[in-house]
Amino acid sequence: MYTYDLLEAGCNYLIQEKEEDALQMIKVHFKTDHALCLSTFTDGEEIVWRKKADLIFDIIECLDDQAVTAWEKLYYNQDAFYEEDDDE
């Protein structure tokens, strides 16, 4: 088990919060004395707070810039596939 205190501000991570959870990508925005502000991307982007002492089952990896760029292209362009025609 790991804690959120191990994560660095400005970095993107692939983590598994609990053993039975799916993998998720998070971005750590900043740290305070006792907590972290981060974004999760499960159902759209959500900004949340986590205590530094909160447990993480597994930190899979810190993503490099190339992986984050590839993921952003996929994530932010997915709406293009669901646009409806307004030609009625």
C-alpha atoms as a PDB file:
ATOM      1  CA  MET A   1       0.000   0.000   0.000  1.00  0.00           C
ATOM      2  CA  TYR A   2       1.031   3.561  -0.767  1.00  0.00           C
ATOM      3  CA  THR A   3      -0.218   6.993   0.277  1.00  0.00           C
ATOM      4  CA  TYR A   4      -1.027  10.123  -1.703  1.00  0.00           C
ATOM      5  CA  ASP A   5       1.896  11.854  -0.004  1.00  0.00           C
ATOM      6  CA  LEU A   6       4.238  10.001  -2.393  1.00  0.00           C
ATOM      7  CA  LEU A   7       2.763  11.766  -5.444  1.00  0.00           C
ATOM      8  CA  GLU A   8       4.359  14.910  -6.861  1.00  0.00           C
ATOM      9  CA  ALA A   9       2.517  18.079  -7.922  1.00  0.00           C
ATOM     10  CA  GLY A  10       2.325  18.634 -11.667  1.00  0.00           C
ATOM     11  CA  CYS A  11       2.542  14.929 -12.491  1.00  0.00           C
ATOM     12  CA  ASN A  12       0.062  12.485 -14.010  1.00  0.00           C
ATOM     13  CA  TYR A  13      -0.226   9.010 -12.521  1.00  0.00           C
ATOM     14  CA  LEU A  14      -1.916   5.763 -13.376  1.00  0.00           C
ATOM     15  CA  ILE A  15      -3.179   4.368 -10.062  1.00  0.00           C
ATOM     16  CA  GLN A  16      -5.494   1.804  -8.514  1.00  0.00           C
ATOM     17  CA  GLU A  17      -7.062   3.292  -5.374  1.00  0.00           C
ATOM     18  CA  LYS A  18      -8.454   0.001  -4.062  1.00  0.00           C
ATOM     19  CA  GLU A  19      -7.592  -3.568  -5.003  1.00  0.00           C
ATOM     20  CA  GLU A  20     -10.941  -4.160  -6.737  1.00  0.00           C
ATOM     21  CA  ASP A  21     -10.974  -0.784  -8.558  1.00  0.00           C
ATOM     22  CA  ALA A  22     -10.183  -0.251 -12.221  1.00  0.00           C
ATOM     23  CA  LEU A  23      -7.059   1.695 -13.141  1.00  0.00           C
ATOM     24  CA  GLN A  24      -7.489   5.452 -13.358  1.00  0.00           C
ATOM     25  CA  MET A  25      -5.409   8.391 -14.412  1.00  0.00           C
ATOM     26  CA  ILE A  26      -5.047  11.309 -12.026  1.00  0.00           C
ATOM     27  CA  LYS A  27      -3.256  14.633 -12.256  1.00  0.00           C
ATOM     28  CA  VAL A  28      -1.882  16.207  -9.080  1.00  0.00           C
ATOM     29  CA  HIS A  29      -2.345  19.988  -9.223  1.00  0.00           C
ATOM     30  CA  PHE A  30      -0.795  21.011  -5.904  1.00  0.00           C
ATOM     31  CA  LYS A  31      -0.087  19.878  -2.349  1.00  0.00           C
ATOM     32  CA  THR A  32      -0.815  21.593   0.948  1.00  0.00           C
ATOM     33  CA  ASP A  33       0.561  20.662   4.363  1.00  0.00           C
ATOM     34  CA  HIS A  34      -2.014  17.881   4.772  1.00  0.00           C
ATOM     35  CA  ALA A  35      -3.749  17.260   1.449  1.00  0.00           C
ATOM     36  CA  LEU A  36      -3.532  17.180  -2.350  1.00  0.00           C
ATOM     37  CA  CYS A  37      -5.758  18.769  -4.967  1.00  0.00           C
ATOM     38  CA  LEU A  38      -6.060  16.505  -7.997  1.00  0.00           C
ATOM     39  CA  SER A  39      -8.175  15.734 -11.033  1.00  0.00           C
ATOM     40  CA  THR A  40      -9.695  12.341 -11.721  1.00  0.00           C
ATOM     41  CA  PHE A  41     -11.019  11.367 -15.135  1.00  0.00           C
ATOM     42  CA  THR A  42     -13.492   8.552 -14.459  1.00  0.00           C
ATOM     43  CA  ASP A  43     -16.741  10.235 -15.567  1.00  0.00           C
ATOM     44  CA  GLY A  44     -15.386  13.428 -17.051  1.00  0.00           C
ATOM     45  CA  GLU A  45     -12.869  15.546 -15.198  1.00  0.00           C
ATOM     46  CA  GLU A  46     -13.534  16.017 -11.505  1.00  0.00           C
ATOM     47  CA  ILE A  47     -11.345  18.063  -9.152  1.00  0.00           C
ATOM     48  CA  VAL A  48     -11.113  16.420  -5.732  1.00  0.00           C
ATOM     49  CA  TRP A  49      -9.131  16.604  -2.505  1.00  0.00           C
ATOM     50  CA  ARG A  50      -7.327  13.673  -0.891  1.00  0.00           C
ATOM     51  CA  LYS A  51      -5.525  13.563   2.458  1.00  0.00           C
ATOM     52  CA  LYS A  52      -1.816  12.855   2.172  1.00  0.00           C
ATOM     53  CA  ALA A  53      -2.309   9.866   4.498  1.00  0.00           C
ATOM     54  CA  ASP A  54      -5.124   8.314   2.373  1.00  0.00           C
ATOM     55  CA  LEU A  55      -4.150   4.915   1.030  1.00  0.00           C
ATOM     56  CA  ILE A  56      -3.584   3.938  -2.603  1.00  0.00           C
ATOM     57  CA  PHE A  57      -3.531   0.219  -3.377  1.00  0.00           C
ATOM     58  CA  ASP A  58      -1.040   0.605  -6.249  1.00  0.00           C
ATOM     59  CA  ILE A  59       0.782   3.383  -8.090  1.00  0.00           C
ATOM     60  CA  ILE A  60       1.221   1.800 -11.517  1.00  0.00           C
ATOM     61  CA  GLU A  61       3.401   4.523 -13.021  1.00  0.00           C
ATOM     62  CA  CYS A  62       4.112   8.208 -13.365  1.00  0.00           C
ATOM     63  CA  LEU A  63       3.158   8.984 -16.969  1.00  0.00           C
ATOM     64  CA  ASP A  64       5.628  10.762 -19.214  1.00  0.00           C
ATOM     65  CA  ASP A  65       4.642  13.732 -21.396  1.00  0.00           C
ATOM     66  CA  GLN A  66       4.293  11.579 -24.516  1.00  0.00           C
ATOM     67  CA  ALA A  67       1.798   9.226 -22.834  1.00  0.00           C
ATOM     68  CA  VAL A  68      -0.201  12.148 -21.423  1.00  0.00           C
ATOM     69  CA  THR A  69      -0.345  13.854 -24.836  1.00  0.00           C
ATOM     70  CA  ALA A  70      -1.578  10.649 -26.496  1.00  0.00           C
ATOM     71  CA  TRP A  71      -4.203  10.178 -23.771  1.00  0.00           C
ATOM     72  CA  GLU A  72      -5.374  13.821 -24.043  1.00  0.00           C
ATOM     73  CA  LYS A  73      -5.907  13.452 -27.802  1.00  0.00           C
ATOM     74  CA  LEU A  74      -8.081  10.420 -27.182  1.00  0.00           C
ATOM     75  CA  TYR A  75      -9.929  11.818 -24.146  1.00  0.00           C
ATOM     76  CA  TYR A  76     -10.703  15.309 -25.403  1.00  0.00           C
ATOM     77  CA  ASN A  77     -11.606  14.237 -28.959  1.00  0.00           C
ATOM     78  CA  GLN A  78     -14.071  11.532 -27.971  1.00  0.00           C
ATOM     79  CA  ASP A  79     -16.991  14.005 -28.212  1.00  0.00           C
ATOM     80  CA  ALA A  80     -16.297  14.359 -31.927  1.00  0.00           C
ATOM     81  CA  PHE A  81     -17.592  10.820 -32.416  1.00  0.00           C
ATOM     82  CA  TYR A  82     -20.939  11.605 -30.766  1.00  0.00           C
ATOM     83  CA  GLU A  83     -21.915  14.834 -32.494  1.00  0.00           C
ATOM     84  CA  GLU A  84     -25.387  14.797 -34.033  1.00  0.00           C
ATOM     85  CA  ASP A  85     -26.308  16.275 -37.376  1.00  0.00           C
ATOM     86  CA  ASP A  86     -28.416  19.423 -37.220  1.00  0.00           C
ATOM     87  CA  ASP A  87     -29.505  19.082 -40.865  1.00  0.00           C
ATOM     88  CA  GLU A  88     -33.161  18.333 -40.100  1.00  0.00           C
END
